[in-house]
Amino acid sequence: MSNASILQRLEQALAQYEAGAQTRTQFVLFLRGSLEALEGVPYSVLVSFGDLEKAIEMEGYAEEEGLESKVQQPRNILRALLRDLKTHFS
């Protein structure tokens, strides 16, 4: 599978997660697997993806505990990163 198609699927999964069609756990697992499948992506970008994955996962736990969540920020950063990578790999 090409990087472009992996990134497209990631965008779709993020939209499904935001719409409530996927659980946080499903999305984080899909994100993790997709990161492992990307080829030729700089290590620093993979680290950024990993940081966003952890932020989304941790914010979900904060929401469950009734704490204020800032999960929208990691999602916005992830969306921008996906857009930039799609431009690079298209």
C-alpha atoms as a PDB file:
ATOM      1  CA  MET A   1       0.000   0.000   0.000  1.00  0.00           C
ATOM      2  CA  SER A   2       1.385   3.402  -0.914  1.00  0.00           C
ATOM      3  CA  ASN A   3       1.997   6.183   1.582  1.00  0.00           C
ATOM      4  CA  ALA A   4      -0.644   8.297  -0.183  1.00  0.00           C
ATOM      5  CA  SER A   5      -3.328   5.643   0.347  1.00  0.00           C
ATOM      6  CA  ILE A   6      -2.278   5.114   3.973  1.00  0.00           C
ATOM      7  CA  LEU A   7      -2.568   8.850   4.605  1.00  0.00           C
ATOM      8  CA  GLN A   8      -5.972   8.927   2.887  1.00  0.00           C
ATOM      9  CA  ARG A   9      -7.189   6.093   5.084  1.00  0.00           C
ATOM     10  CA  LEU A  10      -5.860   7.918   8.153  1.00  0.00           C
ATOM     11  CA  GLU A  11      -7.856  11.018   7.213  1.00  0.00           C
ATOM     12  CA  GLN A  12     -10.968   8.880   6.818  1.00  0.00           C
ATOM     13  CA  ALA A  13     -10.365   7.170  10.160  1.00  0.00           C
ATOM     14  CA  LEU A  14      -9.933  10.560  11.879  1.00  0.00           C
ATOM     15  CA  ALA A  15     -13.227  11.756  10.389  1.00  0.00           C
ATOM     16  CA  GLN A  16     -14.962   8.568  11.562  1.00  0.00           C
ATOM     17  CA  TYR A  17     -13.485   8.971  15.040  1.00  0.00           C
ATOM     18  CA  GLU A  18     -14.649  12.569  15.254  1.00  0.00           C
ATOM     19  CA  ALA A  19     -18.122  11.535  14.067  1.00  0.00           C
ATOM     20  CA  GLY A  20     -18.285   8.863  16.756  1.00  0.00           C
ATOM     21  CA  ALA A  21     -18.214   5.966  14.293  1.00  0.00           C
ATOM     22  CA  GLN A  22     -14.931   4.689  15.794  1.00  0.00           C
ATOM     23  CA  THR A  23     -13.916   4.481  19.411  1.00  0.00           C
ATOM     24  CA  ARG A  24     -10.786   6.221  20.632  1.00  0.00           C
ATOM     25  CA  THR A  25      -9.126   2.835  21.087  1.00  0.00           C
ATOM     26  CA  GLN A  26      -9.955   1.763  17.533  1.00  0.00           C
ATOM     27  CA  PHE A  27      -8.611   5.017  16.141  1.00  0.00           C
ATOM     28  CA  VAL A  28      -5.391   4.945  18.183  1.00  0.00           C
ATOM     29  CA  LEU A  29      -4.702   1.341  17.149  1.00  0.00           C
ATOM     30  CA  PHE A  30      -5.333   2.196  13.497  1.00  0.00           C
ATOM     31  CA  LEU A  31      -3.074   5.247  13.784  1.00  0.00           C
ATOM     32  CA  ARG A  32      -0.309   3.168  15.374  1.00  0.00           C
ATOM     33  CA  GLY A  33      -0.503   0.507  12.660  1.00  0.00           C
ATOM     34  CA  SER A  34      -0.546   3.107   9.922  1.00  0.00           C
ATOM     35  CA  LEU A  35       2.559   4.778  11.306  1.00  0.00           C
ATOM     36  CA  GLU A  36       4.395   1.475  11.136  1.00  0.00           C
ATOM     37  CA  ALA A  37       3.335   1.033   7.500  1.00  0.00           C
ATOM     38  CA  LEU A  38       4.594   4.409   6.244  1.00  0.00           C
ATOM     39  CA  GLU A  39       7.821   4.232   4.255  1.00  0.00           C
ATOM     40  CA  GLY A  40      10.471   6.885   3.718  1.00  0.00           C
ATOM     41  CA  VAL A  41       9.020   9.287   6.254  1.00  0.00           C
ATOM     42  CA  PRO A  42      11.600  11.144   8.357  1.00  0.00           C
ATOM     43  CA  TYR A  43      12.011   9.866  11.886  1.00  0.00           C
ATOM     44  CA  SER A  44      11.108  13.279  13.325  1.00  0.00           C
ATOM     45  CA  VAL A  45       7.714  13.112  11.579  1.00  0.00           C
ATOM     46  CA  LEU A  46       7.082   9.621  12.956  1.00  0.00           C
ATOM     47  CA  VAL A  47       7.935  10.912  16.444  1.00  0.00           C
ATOM     48  CA  SER A  48       5.438  13.752  15.965  1.00  0.00           C
ATOM     49  CA  PHE A  49       2.761  11.249  14.942  1.00  0.00           C
ATOM     50  CA  GLY A  50       3.577   9.127  17.990  1.00  0.00           C
ATOM     51  CA  ASP A  51       3.294  12.153  20.274  1.00  0.00           C
ATOM     52  CA  LEU A  52      -0.112  12.993  18.800  1.00  0.00           C
ATOM     53  CA  GLU A  53      -1.233   9.386  19.198  1.00  0.00           C
ATOM     54  CA  LYS A  54      -0.331   9.497  22.887  1.00  0.00           C
ATOM     55  CA  ALA A  55      -1.999  12.890  23.352  1.00  0.00           C
ATOM     56  CA  ILE A  56      -5.255  11.634  21.829  1.00  0.00           C
ATOM     57  CA  GLU A  57      -5.139   8.511  23.980  1.00  0.00           C
ATOM     58  CA  MET A  58      -4.399  10.436  27.187  1.00  0.00           C
ATOM     59  CA  GLU A  59      -7.054  13.064  26.533  1.00  0.00           C
ATOM     60  CA  GLY A  60      -9.591  10.286  26.171  1.00  0.00           C
ATOM     61  CA  TYR A  61      -8.765   9.124  29.677  1.00  0.00           C
ATOM     62  CA  ALA A  62      -9.091  12.694  30.946  1.00  0.00           C
ATOM     63  CA  GLU A  63     -12.541  12.943  29.355  1.00  0.00           C
ATOM     64  CA  GLU A  64     -13.587   9.680  31.016  1.00  0.00           C
ATOM     65  CA  GLU A  65     -12.560  11.092  34.388  1.00  0.00           C
ATOM     66  CA  GLY A  66     -14.577  14.245  33.772  1.00  0.00           C
ATOM     67  CA  LEU A  67     -11.509  16.450  33.427  1.00  0.00           C
ATOM     68  CA  GLU A  68     -11.189  19.240  30.891  1.00  0.00           C
ATOM     69  CA  SER A  69     -10.019  17.882  27.575  1.00  0.00           C
ATOM     70  CA  LYS A  70      -7.843  19.544  24.954  1.00  0.00           C
ATOM     71  CA  VAL A  71      -8.103  16.682  22.474  1.00  0.00           C
ATOM     72  CA  GLN A  72      -9.190  18.987  19.653  1.00  0.00           C
ATOM     73  CA  GLN A  73      -5.699  20.504  19.519  1.00  0.00           C
ATOM     74  CA  PRO A  74      -3.905  17.180  18.821  1.00  0.00           C
ATOM     75  CA  ARG A  75      -6.562  16.328  16.232  1.00  0.00           C
ATOM     76  CA  ASN A  76      -6.022  19.646  14.452  1.00  0.00           C
ATOM     77  CA  ILE A  77      -2.260  19.146  14.466  1.00  0.00           C
ATOM     78  CA  LEU A  78      -2.713  15.591  13.169  1.00  0.00           C
ATOM     79  CA  ARG A  79      -5.015  16.825  10.406  1.00  0.00           C
ATOM     80  CA  ALA A  80      -2.433  19.446   9.328  1.00  0.00           C
ATOM     81  CA  LEU A  81       0.394  16.894   9.423  1.00  0.00           C
ATOM     82  CA  LEU A  82      -1.625  14.479   7.278  1.00  0.00           C
ATOM     83  CA  ARG A  83      -2.375  17.251   4.790  1.00  0.00           C
ATOM     84  CA  ASP A  84       1.328  18.182   4.556  1.00  0.00           C
ATOM     85  CA  LEU A  85       2.418  14.565   4.082  1.00  0.00           C
ATOM     86  CA  LYS A  86      -0.235  13.958   1.430  1.00  0.00           C
ATOM     87  CA  THR A  87       1.126  16.926  -0.506  1.00  0.00           C
ATOM     88  CA  HIS A  88       4.628  15.487  -0.220  1.00  0.00           C
ATOM     89  CA  PHE A  89       3.672  11.941  -1.277  1.00  0.00           C
ATOM     90  CA  SER A  90       1.130  12.829  -3.998  1.00  0.00           C
END
